Amino acid sequence: HMHWSKLPAAHDEKVKPFIHPNLDQINMASYIFHTFVYPGERLRYDGKPVELPPHGLEDIDWISPELAKKDH
């Protein structure tokens, strides 16, 4: 296990080099506010707008019915 005080250094070494810079947020509360409250635009991590399919399309299950019935 890693002590919480060492997490920022571990993140900088093991995660940060492999993610888009816009995904490296300093403050979770600020990220949530700017993403979901103001301006509340539907943007991808790279700043491009999210393009949703037109309304009225049939939903597709992500999990097969057989797998959904199994007890885990």
C-alpha atoms as a PDB file:
ATOM      1  CA  HIS A   1       0.000   0.000   0.000  1.00  0.00           C
ATOM      2  CA  MET A   2       1.041   3.550  -0.628  1.00  0.00           C
ATOM      3  CA  HIS A   3       0.749   6.393   1.870  1.00  0.00           C
ATOM      4  CA  TRP A   4      -1.629   9.085   0.591  1.00  0.00           C
ATOM      5  CA  SER A   5       1.106  11.735   0.721  1.00  0.00           C
ATOM      6  CA  LYS A   6       3.007   9.886  -2.019  1.00  0.00           C
ATOM      7  CA  LEU A   7       0.060   9.708  -4.439  1.00  0.00           C
ATOM      8  CA  PRO A   8       0.751  12.997  -6.296  1.00  0.00           C
ATOM      9  CA  ALA A   9       4.305  11.915  -7.152  1.00  0.00           C
ATOM     10  CA  ALA A  10       3.112   8.462  -8.216  1.00  0.00           C
ATOM     11  CA  HIS A  11       0.411  10.040 -10.396  1.00  0.00           C
ATOM     12  CA  ASP A  12       2.949  12.356 -12.033  1.00  0.00           C
ATOM     13  CA  GLU A  13       5.186   9.384 -12.812  1.00  0.00           C
ATOM     14  CA  LYS A  14       2.734   6.642 -13.772  1.00  0.00           C
ATOM     15  CA  VAL A  15      -0.409   8.360 -15.087  1.00  0.00           C
ATOM     16  CA  LYS A  16       0.257  11.923 -16.252  1.00  0.00           C
ATOM     17  CA  PRO A  17       2.615  11.021 -19.134  1.00  0.00           C
ATOM     18  CA  PHE A  18      -0.090   8.844 -20.714  1.00  0.00           C
ATOM     19  CA  ILE A  19      -3.196  11.055 -20.528  1.00  0.00           C
ATOM     20  CA  HIS A  20      -4.382  14.164 -22.358  1.00  0.00           C
ATOM     21  CA  PRO A  21      -3.381  17.323 -20.432  1.00  0.00           C
ATOM     22  CA  ASN A  22      -7.048  18.364 -20.099  1.00  0.00           C
ATOM     23  CA  LEU A  23      -7.689  15.222 -18.047  1.00  0.00           C
ATOM     24  CA  ASP A  24      -5.112  16.153 -15.423  1.00  0.00           C
ATOM     25  CA  GLN A  25      -7.314  18.183 -13.086  1.00  0.00           C
ATOM     26  CA  ILE A  26      -6.030  19.687  -9.853  1.00  0.00           C
ATOM     27  CA  ASN A  27      -9.363  20.087  -8.091  1.00  0.00           C
ATOM     28  CA  MET A  28     -12.251  17.608  -8.411  1.00  0.00           C
ATOM     29  CA  ALA A  29     -14.869  20.083  -7.143  1.00  0.00           C
ATOM     30  CA  SER A  30     -13.808  22.687  -9.715  1.00  0.00           C
ATOM     31  CA  TYR A  31     -13.872  20.061 -12.476  1.00  0.00           C
ATOM     32  CA  ILE A  32     -17.403  18.963 -11.527  1.00  0.00           C
ATOM     33  CA  PHE A  33     -18.625  22.570 -11.349  1.00  0.00           C
ATOM     34  CA  HIS A  34     -17.223  23.519 -14.766  1.00  0.00           C
ATOM     35  CA  THR A  35     -18.328  20.269 -16.380  1.00  0.00           C
ATOM     36  CA  PHE A  36     -21.863  19.930 -15.045  1.00  0.00           C
ATOM     37  CA  VAL A  37     -22.944  23.363 -13.755  1.00  0.00           C
ATOM     38  CA  TYR A  38     -21.319  26.314 -15.514  1.00  0.00           C
ATOM     39  CA  PRO A  39     -21.052  26.595 -18.432  1.00  0.00           C
ATOM     40  CA  GLY A  40     -22.456  23.040 -18.499  1.00  0.00           C
ATOM     41  CA  GLU A  41     -21.623  22.411 -22.155  1.00  0.00           C
ATOM     42  CA  ARG A  42     -21.365  18.821 -23.365  1.00  0.00           C
ATOM     43  CA  LEU A  43     -17.672  18.737 -24.282  1.00  0.00           C
ATOM     44  CA  ARG A  44     -15.219  15.886 -24.704  1.00  0.00           C
ATOM     45  CA  TYR A  45     -11.920  15.896 -22.847  1.00  0.00           C
ATOM     46  CA  ASP A  46     -10.249  17.557 -25.840  1.00  0.00           C
ATOM     47  CA  GLY A  47     -12.735  20.460 -25.899  1.00  0.00           C
ATOM     48  CA  LYS A  48     -14.742  19.261 -28.901  1.00  0.00           C
ATOM     49  CA  PRO A  49     -18.542  19.107 -28.535  1.00  0.00           C
ATOM     50  CA  VAL A  50     -20.112  15.750 -27.750  1.00  0.00           C
ATOM     51  CA  GLU A  51     -22.105  14.589 -30.758  1.00  0.00           C
ATOM     52  CA  LEU A  52     -25.034  12.473 -29.650  1.00  0.00           C
ATOM     53  CA  PRO A  53     -27.021  10.273 -32.031  1.00  0.00           C
ATOM     54  CA  PRO A  54     -30.468  11.545 -33.013  1.00  0.00           C
ATOM     55  CA  HIS A  55     -33.341  10.879 -30.607  1.00  0.00           C
ATOM     56  CA  GLY A  56     -35.538   7.917 -31.298  1.00  0.00           C
ATOM     57  CA  LEU A  57     -32.835   5.330 -31.893  1.00  0.00           C
ATOM     58  CA  GLU A  58     -33.287   2.008 -30.120  1.00  0.00           C
ATOM     59  CA  ASP A  59     -31.089   1.444 -27.074  1.00  0.00           C
ATOM     60  CA  ILE A  60     -28.614  -1.414 -27.312  1.00  0.00           C
ATOM     61  CA  ASP A  61     -27.800  -3.465 -24.208  1.00  0.00           C
ATOM     62  CA  TRP A  62     -24.161  -3.282 -23.173  1.00  0.00           C
ATOM     63  CA  ILE A  63     -24.330  -6.629 -21.394  1.00  0.00           C
ATOM     64  CA  SER A  64     -25.747  -9.771 -22.912  1.00  0.00           C
ATOM     65  CA  PRO A  65     -28.969 -11.046 -21.259  1.00  0.00           C
ATOM     66  CA  GLU A  66     -27.188 -14.275 -20.287  1.00  0.00           C
ATOM     67  CA  LEU A  67     -24.453 -12.403 -18.462  1.00  0.00           C
ATOM     68  CA  ALA A  68     -26.935 -10.039 -16.796  1.00  0.00           C
ATOM     69  CA  LYS A  69     -28.780 -13.049 -15.285  1.00  0.00           C
ATOM     70  CA  LYS A  70     -25.660 -14.465 -13.623  1.00  0.00           C
ATOM     71  CA  ASP A  71     -25.178 -13.891  -9.919  1.00  0.00           C
ATOM     72  CA  HIS A  72     -21.820 -12.307  -9.064  1.00  0.00           C
END
